[in-house]
Amino acid sequence: MSFRDVFIDREKPYNYIHLNEREATAAAYQEKGKDDGSRSVEFEVKRFNPATKMLESELFRTRVHRFSTVLDALLDIKEKEDNTLAIRYSCRMGICGSCAMVVNGKPVLACETNVLQNSGEGRIVVSPMLGHPLLKDLVTDFDDFFERHRSIKPHLVRNDIEEKYSAQKEYPQSREELSKYLPFSYCIMCGLCVDACPVVNTNPSFIGPQALAQVQRYYADSRDQLGDRRLEMVDRLEDVWDCEFAGACSLVCPKGVDPAFAIQLLKAEIVRKDIAGK
């Protein structure tokens, strides 16, 4: 039996138009008499209470199927059990980074984390990211995060002001030039790397792996003319030199940006420039 035989009913092609993709897939399985692998899972949600400034655990139980993500389950809980549950989300497909949280102790995107693959003995523990200030329940405050991102000038800088506003030509790059910064340009600013970083959690003045990775992204871009001034911006103890190279930031990045590697490239370039200057 083909994929189309299982998932497409030619007589009722729009039956599932109001459902999300995973629900539609599960519904199609059930209608065709197939097991969708659904079962009941318990969720321990550690909710931040802004009144008490404490995390308070609350248990919920919801039914999920083999395609359900943690975000799907939390939205189901919010709709059917407790509509006061605060969750931040948007795209539901791993692009916006809004649904970053901690699931079973690991910083992840809730929309990309399958429930049944992570429920163990039928239970999942969900909590907010503690590397960011807490607002309510699973929602965190990203003001400091965005301010640190802005501080490194996360955009191409050109010396010619006239060219900046009325460019007369394009600036082509070779594949080699592109490869130097492309991996670092995939950042979706989800904040998972900051939450996983042990330095951020012990030293709030550390600028963080996300901002430093973006310094490398623009420093390595052949079109950028800020040059060594980018290195000077982070050549301080509380910036690039505070990184202890734990590598946790790279382990949790959903886009494979590898901030830890970017920071080591910055360190190496700063040392190389310093030696050359002497």
C-alpha atoms as a PDB file:
ATOM      1  CA  MET A   1       0.000   0.000   0.000  1.00  0.00           C
ATOM      2  CA  SER A   2       1.400   3.385  -0.979  1.00  0.00           C
ATOM      3  CA  PHE A   3       1.608   6.602   1.026  1.00  0.00           C
ATOM      4  CA  ARG A   4      -1.197   8.065  -1.074  1.00  0.00           C
ATOM      5  CA  ASP A   5      -3.439   5.049  -0.368  1.00  0.00           C
ATOM      6  CA  VAL A   6      -3.024   5.534   3.380  1.00  0.00           C
ATOM      7  CA  PHE A   7      -3.165   9.305   3.692  1.00  0.00           C
ATOM      8  CA  ILE A   8      -5.409  10.511   0.854  1.00  0.00           C
ATOM      9  CA  ASP A   9      -9.118   9.848   0.574  1.00  0.00           C
ATOM     10  CA  ARG A  10     -10.082  10.957  -2.915  1.00  0.00           C
ATOM     11  CA  GLU A  11     -13.759  11.216  -1.976  1.00  0.00           C
ATOM     12  CA  LYS A  12     -13.056  13.448   1.049  1.00  0.00           C
ATOM     13  CA  PRO A  13      -9.824  15.279   0.221  1.00  0.00           C
ATOM     14  CA  TYR A  14     -10.456  18.200   2.581  1.00  0.00           C
ATOM     15  CA  ASN A  15     -11.632  16.282   5.650  1.00  0.00           C
ATOM     16  CA  TYR A  16      -8.646  17.319   7.727  1.00  0.00           C
ATOM     17  CA  ILE A  17      -8.146  20.856   6.519  1.00  0.00           C
ATOM     18  CA  HIS A  18      -8.826  22.269  10.006  1.00  0.00           C
ATOM     19  CA  LEU A  19      -6.309  19.988  11.725  1.00  0.00           C
ATOM     20  CA  ASN A  20      -2.570  20.370  11.931  1.00  0.00           C
ATOM     21  CA  GLU A  21      -0.433  17.961   9.929  1.00  0.00           C
ATOM     22  CA  ARG A  22       0.272  15.505  12.737  1.00  0.00           C
ATOM     23  CA  GLU A  23      -3.371  15.307  13.805  1.00  0.00           C
ATOM     24  CA  ALA A  24      -4.411  14.798  10.196  1.00  0.00           C
ATOM     25  CA  THR A  25      -1.901  11.980   9.796  1.00  0.00           C
ATOM     26  CA  ALA A  26      -3.141  10.265  12.952  1.00  0.00           C
ATOM     27  CA  ALA A  27      -6.764  10.702  11.855  1.00  0.00           C
ATOM     28  CA  ALA A  28      -5.947   9.164   8.483  1.00  0.00           C
ATOM     29  CA  TYR A  29      -4.368   6.156  10.179  1.00  0.00           C
ATOM     30  CA  GLN A  30      -7.438   5.622  12.357  1.00  0.00           C
ATOM     31  CA  GLU A  31      -9.859   5.933   9.442  1.00  0.00           C
ATOM     32  CA  LYS A  32      -7.880   3.338   7.503  1.00  0.00           C
ATOM     33  CA  GLY A  33      -7.933   0.981  10.480  1.00  0.00           C
ATOM     34  CA  LYS A  34      -4.277   1.427  11.378  1.00  0.00           C
ATOM     35  CA  ASP A  35      -2.841   1.845  14.881  1.00  0.00           C
ATOM     36  CA  ASP A  36      -1.533   5.377  15.381  1.00  0.00           C
ATOM     37  CA  GLY A  37       0.343   4.303  18.517  1.00  0.00           C
ATOM     38  CA  SER A  38      -1.589   6.687  20.749  1.00  0.00           C
ATOM     39  CA  ARG A  39      -1.379   6.463  24.527  1.00  0.00           C
ATOM     40  CA  SER A  40      -1.779   8.555  27.630  1.00  0.00           C
ATOM     41  CA  VAL A  41       1.282  10.437  28.879  1.00  0.00           C
ATOM     42  CA  GLU A  42       1.737  12.335  32.120  1.00  0.00           C
ATOM     43  CA  PHE A  43       3.308  15.788  31.967  1.00  0.00           C
ATOM     44  CA  GLU A  44       4.967  17.417  34.932  1.00  0.00           C
ATOM     45  CA  VAL A  45       4.997  21.105  34.046  1.00  0.00           C
ATOM     46  CA  LYS A  46       7.205  23.286  36.216  1.00  0.00           C
ATOM     47  CA  ARG A  47       5.425  26.624  36.050  1.00  0.00           C
ATOM     48  CA  PHE A  48       7.024  29.875  37.142  1.00  0.00           C
ATOM     49  CA  ASN A  49       4.739  31.838  39.430  1.00  0.00           C
ATOM     50  CA  PRO A  50       5.561  35.571  39.130  1.00  0.00           C
ATOM     51  CA  ALA A  51       3.803  36.238  42.448  1.00  0.00           C
ATOM     52  CA  THR A  52       5.969  33.856  44.502  1.00  0.00           C
ATOM     53  CA  LYS A  53       9.021  33.919  42.194  1.00  0.00           C
ATOM     54  CA  MET A  54       9.080  30.126  42.446  1.00  0.00           C
ATOM     55  CA  LEU A  55       8.724  27.151  40.108  1.00  0.00           C
ATOM     56  CA  GLU A  56       5.615  25.173  40.991  1.00  0.00           C
ATOM     57  CA  SER A  57       5.117  21.673  39.569  1.00  0.00           C
ATOM     58  CA  GLU A  58       1.726  20.703  38.232  1.00  0.00           C
ATOM     59  CA  LEU A  59       0.705  17.353  36.773  1.00  0.00           C
ATOM     60  CA  PHE A  60      -1.382  16.938  33.631  1.00  0.00           C
ATOM     61  CA  ARG A  61      -2.326  13.909  31.595  1.00  0.00           C
ATOM     62  CA  THR A  62      -3.121  13.994  27.903  1.00  0.00           C
ATOM     63  CA  ARG A  63      -3.407  11.504  25.086  1.00  0.00           C
ATOM     64  CA  VAL A  64      -0.791  11.661  22.352  1.00  0.00           C
ATOM     65  CA  HIS A  65      -0.052   9.687  19.207  1.00  0.00           C
ATOM     66  CA  ARG A  66       3.199   8.707  17.561  1.00  0.00           C
ATOM     67  CA  PHE A  67       3.502  12.032  15.753  1.00  0.00           C
ATOM     68  CA  SER A  68       2.719  14.322  18.706  1.00  0.00           C
ATOM     69  CA  THR A  69       5.334  16.856  19.734  1.00  0.00           C
ATOM     70  CA  VAL A  70       5.728  18.344  23.193  1.00  0.00           C
ATOM     71  CA  LEU A  71       4.263  21.589  21.853  1.00  0.00           C
ATOM     72  CA  ASP A  72       1.223  19.716  20.503  1.00  0.00           C
ATOM     73  CA  ALA A  73       0.672  18.151  23.916  1.00  0.00           C
ATOM     74  CA  LEU A  74       1.085  21.423  25.812  1.00  0.00           C
ATOM     75  CA  LEU A  75      -1.389  23.184  23.525  1.00  0.00           C
ATOM     76  CA  ASP A  76      -3.820  20.305  24.064  1.00  0.00           C
ATOM     77  CA  ILE A  77      -3.405  20.705  27.830  1.00  0.00           C
ATOM     78  CA  LYS A  78      -3.938  24.461  27.516  1.00  0.00           C
ATOM     79  CA  GLU A  79      -7.093  23.969  25.449  1.00  0.00           C
ATOM     80  CA  LYS A  80      -8.688  21.146  27.451  1.00  0.00           C
ATOM     81  CA  GLU A  81      -7.344  21.338  31.009  1.00  0.00           C
ATOM     82  CA  ASP A  82      -5.897  24.724  31.964  1.00  0.00           C
ATOM     83  CA  ASN A  83      -6.218  27.724  29.693  1.00  0.00           C
ATOM     84  CA  THR A  84      -4.024  29.815  32.014  1.00  0.00           C
ATOM     85  CA  LEU A  85      -0.903  27.853  31.022  1.00  0.00           C
ATOM     86  CA  ALA A  86       1.477  30.362  29.404  1.00  0.00           C
ATOM     87  CA  ILE A  87       3.453  29.077  26.400  1.00  0.00           C
ATOM     88  CA  ARG A  88       5.294  31.001  23.703  1.00  0.00           C
ATOM     89  CA  TYR A  89       5.177  29.571  20.184  1.00  0.00           C
ATOM     90  CA  SER A  90       4.617  30.606  16.592  1.00  0.00           C
ATOM     91  CA  CYS A  91       5.643  28.596  13.526  1.00  0.00           C
ATOM     92  CA  ARG A  92       5.410  25.041  14.975  1.00  0.00           C
ATOM     93  CA  MET A  93       8.058  23.889  12.496  1.00  0.00           C
ATOM     94  CA  GLY A  94      11.470  24.701  13.964  1.00  0.00           C
ATOM     95  CA  ILE A  95      11.984  28.023  12.201  1.00  0.00           C
ATOM     96  CA  CYS A  96      11.051  30.812  14.622  1.00  0.00           C
ATOM     97  CA  GLY A  97      12.670  29.436  17.794  1.00  0.00           C
ATOM     98  CA  SER A  98       9.833  30.738  19.985  1.00  0.00           C
ATOM     99  CA  CYS A  99       8.976  27.455  21.746  1.00  0.00           C
ATOM    100  CA  ALA A 100      12.394  26.853  23.308  1.00  0.00           C
ATOM    101  CA  MET A 101      12.109  25.193  26.729  1.00  0.00           C
ATOM    102  CA  VAL A 102      13.630  22.404  28.802  1.00  0.00           C
ATOM    103  CA  VAL A 103      12.268  18.878  28.334  1.00  0.00           C
ATOM    104  CA  ASN A 104      13.556  16.143  30.634  1.00  0.00           C
ATOM    105  CA  GLY A 105      16.487  18.363  31.557  1.00  0.00           C
ATOM    106  CA  LYS A 106      17.567  19.189  27.993  1.00  0.00           C
ATOM    107  CA  PRO A 107      17.042  22.561  26.270  1.00  0.00           C
ATOM    108  CA  VAL A 108      15.036  21.854  23.093  1.00  0.00           C
ATOM    109  CA  LEU A 109      12.471  23.260  20.700  1.00  0.00           C
ATOM    110  CA  ALA A 110       9.127  21.882  21.870  1.00  0.00           C
ATOM    111  CA  CYS A 111       7.811  21.746  18.294  1.00  0.00           C
ATOM    112  CA  GLU A 112      10.626  19.395  17.247  1.00  0.00           C
ATOM    113  CA  THR A 113      10.577  17.106  20.288  1.00  0.00           C
ATOM    114  CA  ASN A 114       8.502  13.950  19.884  1.00  0.00           C
ATOM    115  CA  VAL A 115       6.547  13.001  22.999  1.00  0.00           C
ATOM    116  CA  LEU A 116       6.661   9.205  22.758  1.00  0.00           C
ATOM    117  CA  GLN A 117      10.365   9.175  21.958  1.00  0.00           C
ATOM    118  CA  ASN A 118      11.065  11.124  25.148  1.00  0.00           C
ATOM    119  CA  SER A 119       8.391   9.927  27.568  1.00  0.00           C
ATOM    120  CA  GLY A 120      10.306   6.943  28.944  1.00  0.00           C
ATOM    121  CA  GLU A 121       7.892   5.295  31.386  1.00  0.00           C
ATOM    122  CA  GLY A 122       5.013   7.484  30.309  1.00  0.00           C
ATOM    123  CA  ARG A 123       6.107  10.776  31.845  1.00  0.00           C
ATOM    124  CA  ILE A 124       7.699  13.994  30.590  1.00  0.00           C
ATOM    125  CA  VAL A 125       9.041  16.857  32.690  1.00  0.00           C
ATOM    126  CA  VAL A 126       8.785  20.316  31.122  1.00  0.00           C
ATOM    127  CA  SER A 127      10.289  23.491  32.572  1.00  0.00           C
ATOM    128  CA  PRO A 128      11.251  26.984  31.376  1.00  0.00           C
ATOM    129  CA  MET A 129      14.809  27.885  30.386  1.00  0.00           C
ATOM    130  CA  LEU A 130      16.623  29.090  33.509  1.00  0.00           C
ATOM    131  CA  GLY A 131      19.339  30.838  31.510  1.00  0.00           C
ATOM    132  CA  HIS A 132      16.884  33.669  30.826  1.00  0.00           C
ATOM    133  CA  PRO A 133      14.789  35.765  33.248  1.00  0.00           C
ATOM    134  CA  LEU A 134      11.428  34.104  33.910  1.00  0.00           C
ATOM    135  CA  LEU A 135       8.101  35.799  33.187  1.00  0.00           C
ATOM    136  CA  LYS A 136       5.287  33.273  33.677  1.00  0.00           C
ATOM    137  CA  ASP A 137       4.993  29.490  33.502  1.00  0.00           C
ATOM    138  CA  LEU A 138       7.164  28.433  30.527  1.00  0.00           C
ATOM    139  CA  VAL A 139       7.672  31.932  29.109  1.00  0.00           C
ATOM    140  CA  THR A 140      11.021  33.692  29.524  1.00  0.00           C
ATOM    141  CA  ASP A 141      12.168  37.285  29.017  1.00  0.00           C
ATOM    142  CA  PHE A 142      14.421  37.769  25.978  1.00  0.00           C
ATOM    143  CA  ASP A 143      15.104  41.507  26.380  1.00  0.00           C
ATOM    144  CA  ASP A 144      18.693  40.989  27.598  1.00  0.00           C
ATOM    145  CA  PHE A 145      19.262  38.330  24.952  1.00  0.00           C
ATOM    146  CA  PHE A 146      18.190  40.648  22.127  1.00  0.00           C
ATOM    147  CA  GLU A 147      20.148  43.569  23.558  1.00  0.00           C
ATOM    148  CA  ARG A 148      23.346  41.514  23.584  1.00  0.00           C
ATOM    149  CA  HIS A 149      22.621  40.434  20.027  1.00  0.00           C
ATOM    150  CA  ARG A 150      22.164  44.065  18.953  1.00  0.00           C
ATOM    151  CA  SER A 151      25.370  45.127  20.710  1.00  0.00           C
ATOM    152  CA  ILE A 152      27.594  43.211  18.276  1.00  0.00           C
ATOM    153  CA  LYS A 153      26.146  44.990  15.212  1.00  0.00           C
ATOM    154  CA  PRO A 154      24.526  41.909  13.623  1.00  0.00           C
ATOM    155  CA  HIS A 155      24.454  43.280  10.091  1.00  0.00           C
ATOM    156  CA  LEU A 156      26.817  43.986   7.230  1.00  0.00           C
ATOM    157  CA  VAL A 157      28.733  47.231   7.658  1.00  0.00           C
ATOM    158  CA  ARG A 158      29.993  49.114   4.599  1.00  0.00           C
ATOM    159  CA  ASN A 159      32.257  52.164   4.780  1.00  0.00           C
ATOM    160  CA  ASP A 160      30.638  54.001   1.877  1.00  0.00           C
ATOM    161  CA  ILE A 161      27.450  55.591   3.241  1.00  0.00           C
ATOM    162  CA  GLU A 162      26.169  56.478  -0.230  1.00  0.00           C
ATOM    163  CA  GLU A 163      26.649  52.906  -1.353  1.00  0.00           C
ATOM    164  CA  LYS A 164      24.779  51.702   1.729  1.00  0.00           C
ATOM    165  CA  TYR A 165      21.561  53.433   0.704  1.00  0.00           C
ATOM    166  CA  SER A 166      21.897  53.342  -3.088  1.00  0.00           C
ATOM    167  CA  ALA A 167      24.086  50.409  -4.037  1.00  0.00           C
ATOM    168  CA  GLN A 168      25.219  50.482  -7.657  1.00  0.00           C
ATOM    169  CA  LYS A 169      26.506  46.926  -7.904  1.00  0.00           C
ATOM    170  CA  GLU A 170      26.359  43.466  -6.373  1.00  0.00           C
ATOM    171  CA  TYR A 171      29.080  41.809  -4.320  1.00  0.00           C
ATOM    172  CA  PRO A 172      29.429  38.205  -5.484  1.00  0.00           C
ATOM    173  CA  GLN A 173      31.182  35.638  -3.318  1.00  0.00           C
ATOM    174  CA  SER A 174      33.024  32.462  -4.136  1.00  0.00           C
ATOM    175  CA  ARG A 175      31.885  29.192  -2.575  1.00  0.00           C
ATOM    176  CA  GLU A 176      34.937  29.289  -0.354  1.00  0.00           C
ATOM    177  CA  GLU A 177      34.036  32.768   0.915  1.00  0.00           C
ATOM    178  CA  LEU A 178      30.454  31.663   1.517  1.00  0.00           C
ATOM    179  CA  SER A 179      31.513  28.552   3.431  1.00  0.00           C
ATOM    180  CA  LYS A 180      33.444  30.633   5.980  1.00  0.00           C
ATOM    181  CA  TYR A 181      30.302  32.136   7.509  1.00  0.00           C
ATOM    182  CA  LEU A 182      27.311  30.185   6.171  1.00  0.00           C
ATOM    183  CA  PRO A 183      27.087  27.629   9.040  1.00  0.00           C
ATOM    184  CA  PHE A 184      26.889  30.464  11.566  1.00  0.00           C
ATOM    185  CA  SER A 185      24.155  32.288   9.639  1.00  0.00           C
ATOM    186  CA  TYR A 186      21.546  29.608  10.393  1.00  0.00           C
ATOM    187  CA  CYS A 187      20.918  30.938  13.915  1.00  0.00           C
ATOM    188  CA  ILE A 188      17.188  31.335  14.666  1.00  0.00           C
ATOM    189  CA  MET A 189      17.795  33.129  17.995  1.00  0.00           C
ATOM    190  CA  CYS A 190      15.953  30.518  20.056  1.00  0.00           C
ATOM    191  CA  GLY A 191      18.233  31.048  23.066  1.00  0.00           C
ATOM    192  CA  LEU A 192      18.865  27.349  23.694  1.00  0.00           C
ATOM    193  CA  CYS A 193      22.641  27.791  23.515  1.00  0.00           C
ATOM    194  CA  VAL A 194      22.507  30.511  26.167  1.00  0.00           C
ATOM    195  CA  ASP A 195      20.410  28.317  28.455  1.00  0.00           C
ATOM    196  CA  ALA A 196      22.818  25.383  28.082  1.00  0.00           C
ATOM    197  CA  CYS A 197      25.958  27.471  28.648  1.00  0.00           C
ATOM    198  CA  PRO A 198      27.447  26.851  32.130  1.00  0.00           C
ATOM    199  CA  VAL A 199      29.249  30.209  32.050  1.00  0.00           C
ATOM    200  CA  VAL A 200      26.050  32.191  31.454  1.00  0.00           C
ATOM    201  CA  ASN A 201      24.449  30.445  34.418  1.00  0.00           C
ATOM    202  CA  THR A 202      27.316  31.403  36.750  1.00  0.00           C
ATOM    203  CA  ASN A 203      28.391  34.744  35.267  1.00  0.00           C
ATOM    204  CA  PRO A 204      25.512  36.970  34.093  1.00  0.00           C
ATOM    205  CA  SER A 205      27.951  39.503  32.591  1.00  0.00           C
ATOM    206  CA  PHE A 206      29.128  36.987  29.954  1.00  0.00           C
ATOM    207  CA  ILE A 207      27.760  38.075  26.578  1.00  0.00           C
ATOM    208  CA  GLY A 208      26.850  34.492  25.670  1.00  0.00           C
ATOM    209  CA  PRO A 209      27.471  32.012  22.841  1.00  0.00           C
ATOM    210  CA  GLN A 210      24.748  33.282  20.518  1.00  0.00           C
ATOM    211  CA  ALA A 211      26.121  36.812  20.263  1.00  0.00           C
ATOM    212  CA  LEU A 212      29.716  35.615  19.908  1.00  0.00           C
ATOM    213  CA  ALA A 213      28.780  33.190  17.134  1.00  0.00           C
ATOM    214  CA  GLN A 214      27.216  36.085  15.247  1.00  0.00           C
ATOM    215  CA  VAL A 215      30.389  38.140  15.648  1.00  0.00           C
ATOM    216  CA  GLN A 216      32.219  35.356  13.823  1.00  0.00           C
ATOM    217  CA  ARG A 217      29.437  35.137  11.236  1.00  0.00           C
ATOM    218  CA  TYR A 218      29.909  38.786  10.188  1.00  0.00           C
ATOM    219  CA  TYR A 219      33.668  38.920  10.729  1.00  0.00           C
ATOM    220  CA  ALA A 220      34.087  36.019   8.287  1.00  0.00           C
ATOM    221  CA  ASP A 221      31.805  37.597   5.664  1.00  0.00           C
ATOM    222  CA  SER A 222      33.906  39.061   2.840  1.00  0.00           C
ATOM    223  CA  ARG A 223      31.277  41.761   2.216  1.00  0.00           C
ATOM    224  CA  ASP A 224      31.595  43.232   5.710  1.00  0.00           C
ATOM    225  CA  GLN A 225      34.017  46.122   6.256  1.00  0.00           C
ATOM    226  CA  LEU A 226      33.926  46.488  10.034  1.00  0.00           C
ATOM    227  CA  GLY A 227      36.907  44.124  10.097  1.00  0.00           C
ATOM    228  CA  ASP A 228      39.102  44.071  13.199  1.00  0.00           C
ATOM    229  CA  ARG A 229      36.704  46.375  15.022  1.00  0.00           C
ATOM    230  CA  ARG A 230      34.433  43.362  15.420  1.00  0.00           C
ATOM    231  CA  LEU A 231      37.228  41.537  17.239  1.00  0.00           C
ATOM    232  CA  GLU A 232      37.873  44.568  19.448  1.00  0.00           C
ATOM    233  CA  MET A 233      34.208  44.591  20.507  1.00  0.00           C
ATOM    234  CA  VAL A 234      34.525  41.167  22.156  1.00  0.00           C
ATOM    235  CA  ASP A 235      38.221  41.068  23.129  1.00  0.00           C
ATOM    236  CA  ARG A 236      37.355  41.371  26.809  1.00  0.00           C
ATOM    237  CA  LEU A 237      37.247  39.009  29.772  1.00  0.00           C
ATOM    238  CA  GLU A 238      33.457  39.112  30.010  1.00  0.00           C
ATOM    239  CA  ASP A 239      33.142  38.358  26.320  1.00  0.00           C
ATOM    240  CA  VAL A 240      35.172  35.908  24.247  1.00  0.00           C
ATOM    241  CA  TRP A 241      37.725  35.065  26.962  1.00  0.00           C
ATOM    242  CA  ASP A 242      35.097  34.006  29.482  1.00  0.00           C
ATOM    243  CA  CYS A 243      34.152  31.016  27.312  1.00  0.00           C
ATOM    244  CA  GLU A 244      35.437  27.797  28.907  1.00  0.00           C
ATOM    245  CA  PHE A 245      34.744  25.703  25.788  1.00  0.00           C
ATOM    246  CA  ALA A 246      32.273  23.358  27.493  1.00  0.00           C
ATOM    247  CA  GLY A 247      30.599  22.848  24.116  1.00  0.00           C
ATOM    248  CA  ALA A 248      27.097  22.566  25.597  1.00  0.00           C
ATOM    249  CA  CYS A 249      25.890  25.398  23.359  1.00  0.00           C
ATOM    250  CA  SER A 250      26.733  23.432  20.225  1.00  0.00           C
ATOM    251  CA  LEU A 251      25.169  20.216  21.532  1.00  0.00           C
ATOM    252  CA  VAL A 252      21.720  21.773  21.930  1.00  0.00           C
ATOM    253  CA  CYS A 253      21.629  23.986  18.815  1.00  0.00           C
ATOM    254  CA  PRO A 254      18.698  22.800  16.639  1.00  0.00           C
ATOM    255  CA  LYS A 255      20.316  24.222  13.490  1.00  0.00           C
ATOM    256  CA  GLY A 256      23.867  22.947  13.956  1.00  0.00           C
ATOM    257  CA  VAL A 257      25.345  26.432  14.210  1.00  0.00           C
ATOM    258  CA  ASP A 258      28.193  25.294  16.539  1.00  0.00           C
ATOM    259  CA  PRO A 259      28.741  28.453  18.617  1.00  0.00           C
ATOM    260  CA  ALA A 260      31.589  26.784  20.529  1.00  0.00           C
ATOM    261  CA  PHE A 261      33.603  26.428  17.324  1.00  0.00           C
ATOM    262  CA  ALA A 262      32.813  30.016  16.318  1.00  0.00           C
ATOM    263  CA  ILE A 263      34.160  31.293  19.640  1.00  0.00           C
ATOM    264  CA  GLN A 264      37.390  29.335  19.238  1.00  0.00           C
ATOM    265  CA  LEU A 265      37.819  30.852  15.769  1.00  0.00           C
ATOM    266  CA  LEU A 266      37.425  34.316  17.303  1.00  0.00           C
ATOM    267  CA  LYS A 267      39.987  33.555  20.001  1.00  0.00           C
ATOM    268  CA  ALA A 268      42.473  32.242  17.445  1.00  0.00           C
ATOM    269  CA  GLU A 269      42.027  35.286  15.210  1.00  0.00           C
ATOM    270  CA  ILE A 270      42.451  37.710  18.131  1.00  0.00           C
ATOM    271  CA  VAL A 271      45.677  35.991  19.222  1.00  0.00           C
ATOM    272  CA  ARG A 272      46.956  35.880  15.636  1.00  0.00           C
ATOM    273  CA  LYS A 273      46.305  39.605  15.178  1.00  0.00           C
ATOM    274  CA  ASP A 274      47.923  40.377  18.531  1.00  0.00           C
ATOM    275  CA  ILE A 275      51.082  38.423  17.685  1.00  0.00           C
ATOM    276  CA  ALA A 276      51.265  39.967  14.219  1.00  0.00           C
ATOM    277  CA  GLY A 277      50.924  43.429  15.767  1.00  0.00           C
ATOM    278  CA  LYS A 278      53.888  42.845  18.023  1.00  0.00           C
END
